[in-house]
Amino acid sequence: MVPRSAVELPRGAEPPYRVFINGVPQVEGQDYRVKGRTLLFEQELVTEGRIGFWRWTLMFFSIAGTYRRHHSVDVQYRQSGHERVATGLGIRSLRGPGADGADGAEAPGDR
């Protein structure tokens, strides 16, 4: 089973949507699909999470870096006739059969 991911669109977001992962444009129907207020991706998207004190210290002194996987999802949309952009939207992992992202739960990055 391929891990999938979901991203909640901001409240009041209206199409057309322009979706970017790490700045790379995504194509609806090919890279993602829209279901209600949710963008569904047929790939696993992950965020790096918080960097601990020691890792941050090592990075500060240029001793070590961080090479973990990290995805950032940005969406350009319309709201009340104006163009808007939401950056760094919350990513939710979907696992298991029937996990289609339509459960109505709010994602942590929902705006």
C-alpha atoms as a PDB file:
ATOM      1  CA  MET A   1       0.000   0.000   0.000  1.00  0.00           C
ATOM      2  CA  VAL A   2       1.393   3.398  -1.006  1.00  0.00           C
ATOM      3  CA  PRO A   3       1.402   6.016   1.768  1.00  0.00           C
ATOM      4  CA  ARG A   4      -0.744   9.012   0.879  1.00  0.00           C
ATOM      5  CA  SER A   5      -1.074  12.501   2.295  1.00  0.00           C
ATOM      6  CA  ALA A   6      -3.742  15.167   2.738  1.00  0.00           C
ATOM      7  CA  VAL A   7      -3.562  18.931   3.105  1.00  0.00           C
ATOM      8  CA  GLU A   8      -6.519  21.042   4.201  1.00  0.00           C
ATOM      9  CA  LEU A   9      -7.209  24.167   2.177  1.00  0.00           C
ATOM     10  CA  PRO A  10      -7.650  27.432   4.102  1.00  0.00           C
ATOM     11  CA  ARG A  11     -11.216  28.413   5.028  1.00  0.00           C
ATOM     12  CA  GLY A  12     -12.902  30.331   2.244  1.00  0.00           C
ATOM     13  CA  ALA A  13     -10.393  29.216  -0.414  1.00  0.00           C
ATOM     14  CA  GLU A  14     -11.935  29.206  -3.885  1.00  0.00           C
ATOM     15  CA  PRO A  15     -10.579  27.704  -7.117  1.00  0.00           C
ATOM     16  CA  PRO A  16      -8.569  27.937  -9.203  1.00  0.00           C
ATOM     17  CA  TYR A  17      -5.863  26.479  -6.992  1.00  0.00           C
ATOM     18  CA  ARG A  18      -2.169  26.541  -7.827  1.00  0.00           C
ATOM     19  CA  VAL A  19      -0.374  23.990  -5.664  1.00  0.00           C
ATOM     20  CA  PHE A  20       3.369  23.825  -5.030  1.00  0.00           C
ATOM     21  CA  ILE A  21       5.507  21.301  -3.165  1.00  0.00           C
ATOM     22  CA  ASN A  22       8.887  22.776  -2.236  1.00  0.00           C
ATOM     23  CA  GLY A  23       8.276  25.452  -4.873  1.00  0.00           C
ATOM     24  CA  VAL A  24       7.581  22.969  -7.688  1.00  0.00           C
ATOM     25  CA  PRO A  25       4.168  23.389  -9.386  1.00  0.00           C
ATOM     26  CA  GLN A  26       1.838  20.379  -9.079  1.00  0.00           C
ATOM     27  CA  VAL A  27      -0.799  19.326 -11.625  1.00  0.00           C
ATOM     28  CA  GLU A  28      -4.351  18.562 -10.515  1.00  0.00           C
ATOM     29  CA  GLY A  29      -5.384  15.056 -11.545  1.00  0.00           C
ATOM     30  CA  GLN A  30      -1.776  13.997 -11.954  1.00  0.00           C
ATOM     31  CA  ASP A  31      -0.055  14.983  -8.691  1.00  0.00           C
ATOM     32  CA  TYR A  32      -3.089  15.632  -6.480  1.00  0.00           C
ATOM     33  CA  ARG A  33      -6.866  15.776  -6.470  1.00  0.00           C
ATOM     34  CA  VAL A  34      -9.312  18.029  -4.649  1.00  0.00           C
ATOM     35  CA  LYS A  35     -12.045  16.571  -2.438  1.00  0.00           C
ATOM     36  CA  GLY A  36     -14.060  19.231  -0.621  1.00  0.00           C
ATOM     37  CA  ARG A  37     -11.550  21.391   1.257  1.00  0.00           C
ATOM     38  CA  THR A  38      -8.823  18.749   1.072  1.00  0.00           C
ATOM     39  CA  LEU A  39      -5.947  18.239  -1.341  1.00  0.00           C
ATOM     40  CA  LEU A  40      -5.163  14.520  -1.653  1.00  0.00           C
ATOM     41  CA  PHE A  41      -1.689  13.444  -2.738  1.00  0.00           C
ATOM     42  CA  GLU A  42      -0.826   9.916  -3.909  1.00  0.00           C
ATOM     43  CA  GLN A  43       2.596  10.226  -2.314  1.00  0.00           C
ATOM     44  CA  GLU A  44       3.943  10.480   1.201  1.00  0.00           C
ATOM     45  CA  LEU A  45       4.673  14.050   2.202  1.00  0.00           C
ATOM     46  CA  VAL A  46       6.599  14.613   5.419  1.00  0.00           C
ATOM     47  CA  THR A  47       7.772  17.536   7.490  1.00  0.00           C
ATOM     48  CA  GLU A  48      11.065  17.549   9.317  1.00  0.00           C
ATOM     49  CA  GLY A  49       9.622  18.594  12.637  1.00  0.00           C
ATOM     50  CA  ARG A  50      11.431  20.431  15.384  1.00  0.00           C
ATOM     51  CA  ILE A  51      15.205  20.436  15.433  1.00  0.00           C
ATOM     52  CA  GLY A  52      16.605  19.590  18.854  1.00  0.00           C
ATOM     53  CA  PHE A  53      18.995  21.779  20.818  1.00  0.00           C
ATOM     54  CA  TRP A  54      22.141  19.760  19.989  1.00  0.00           C
ATOM     55  CA  ARG A  55      21.341  19.471  16.278  1.00  0.00           C
ATOM     56  CA  TRP A  56      20.655  23.217  16.128  1.00  0.00           C
ATOM     57  CA  THR A  57      23.936  23.942  17.971  1.00  0.00           C
ATOM     58  CA  LEU A  58      25.915  21.740  15.593  1.00  0.00           C
ATOM     59  CA  MET A  59      24.282  23.452  12.609  1.00  0.00           C
ATOM     60  CA  PHE A  60      24.980  26.910  14.105  1.00  0.00           C
ATOM     61  CA  PHE A  61      28.691  26.153  14.351  1.00  0.00           C
ATOM     62  CA  SER A  62      28.706  24.545  10.870  1.00  0.00           C
ATOM     63  CA  ILE A  63      29.700  21.182  12.284  1.00  0.00           C
ATOM     64  CA  ALA A  64      26.705  19.232  10.963  1.00  0.00           C
ATOM     65  CA  GLY A  65      23.614  19.788   8.875  1.00  0.00           C
ATOM     66  CA  THR A  66      20.206  18.222   8.629  1.00  0.00           C
ATOM     67  CA  TYR A  67      19.411  15.983   5.709  1.00  0.00           C
ATOM     68  CA  ARG A  68      15.985  14.702   6.638  1.00  0.00           C
ATOM     69  CA  ARG A  69      13.103  14.676   4.170  1.00  0.00           C
ATOM     70  CA  HIS A  70      10.968  17.802   4.352  1.00  0.00           C
ATOM     71  CA  HIS A  71       8.058  18.913   2.181  1.00  0.00           C
ATOM     72  CA  SER A  72       6.464  22.330   2.208  1.00  0.00           C
ATOM     73  CA  VAL A  73       3.022  22.727   0.596  1.00  0.00           C
ATOM     74  CA  ASP A  74       1.973  26.166  -0.640  1.00  0.00           C
ATOM     75  CA  VAL A  75      -1.331  27.025  -2.343  1.00  0.00           C
ATOM     76  CA  GLN A  76      -2.377  30.055  -4.356  1.00  0.00           C
ATOM     77  CA  TYR A  77      -6.154  30.545  -4.381  1.00  0.00           C
ATOM     78  CA  ARG A  78      -8.929  33.137  -4.574  1.00  0.00           C
ATOM     79  CA  GLN A  79     -10.915  34.414  -1.622  1.00  0.00           C
ATOM     80  CA  SER A  80     -13.653  37.043  -1.903  1.00  0.00           C
ATOM     81  CA  GLY A  81     -12.324  38.070  -5.307  1.00  0.00           C
ATOM     82  CA  HIS A  82      -8.703  38.510  -4.157  1.00  0.00           C
ATOM     83  CA  GLU A  83      -5.637  36.381  -4.853  1.00  0.00           C
ATOM     84  CA  ARG A  84      -4.193  34.783  -1.697  1.00  0.00           C
ATOM     85  CA  VAL A  85      -1.271  32.505  -0.912  1.00  0.00           C
ATOM     86  CA  ALA A  86      -1.026  30.093   2.021  1.00  0.00           C
ATOM     87  CA  THR A  87       2.422  28.707   2.805  1.00  0.00           C
ATOM     88  CA  GLY A  88       3.608  25.779   4.856  1.00  0.00           C
ATOM     89  CA  LEU A  89       0.178  24.160   5.142  1.00  0.00           C
ATOM     90  CA  GLY A  90      -0.198  21.243   7.555  1.00  0.00           C
ATOM     91  CA  ILE A  91       0.356  17.778   6.124  1.00  0.00           C
ATOM     92  CA  ARG A  92      -1.620  14.779   7.357  1.00  0.00           C
ATOM     93  CA  SER A  93      -0.601  11.206   6.604  1.00  0.00           C
ATOM     94  CA  LEU A  94      -3.321   8.892   5.276  1.00  0.00           C
ATOM     95  CA  ARG A  95      -2.819   5.225   5.968  1.00  0.00           C
ATOM     96  CA  GLY A  96      -5.071   2.265   5.471  1.00  0.00           C
ATOM     97  CA  PRO A  97      -7.967   1.509   3.125  1.00  0.00           C
ATOM     98  CA  GLY A  98     -10.696   4.115   2.925  1.00  0.00           C
ATOM     99  CA  ALA A  99      -8.427   6.898   4.193  1.00  0.00           C
ATOM    100  CA  ASP A 100      -9.600   9.438   1.648  1.00  0.00           C
ATOM    101  CA  GLY A 101      -9.139  12.611   3.701  1.00  0.00           C
ATOM    102  CA  ALA A 102     -12.847  13.424   3.745  1.00  0.00           C
ATOM    103  CA  ASP A 103     -13.317  12.912   7.471  1.00  0.00           C
ATOM    104  CA  GLY A 104     -13.729  16.644   8.111  1.00  0.00           C
ATOM    105  CA  ALA A 105     -10.905  16.796  10.650  1.00  0.00           C
ATOM    106  CA  GLU A 106      -8.906  19.983  10.772  1.00  0.00           C
ATOM    107  CA  ALA A 107      -5.192  19.784  10.048  1.00  0.00           C
ATOM    108  CA  PRO A 108      -2.741  21.537  12.395  1.00  0.00           C
ATOM    109  CA  GLY A 109      -1.752  24.035   9.675  1.00  0.00           C
ATOM    110  CA  ASP A 110      -5.316  24.948   8.694  1.00  0.00           C
ATOM    111  CA  ARG A 111      -5.754  28.690   8.275  1.00  0.00           C
END
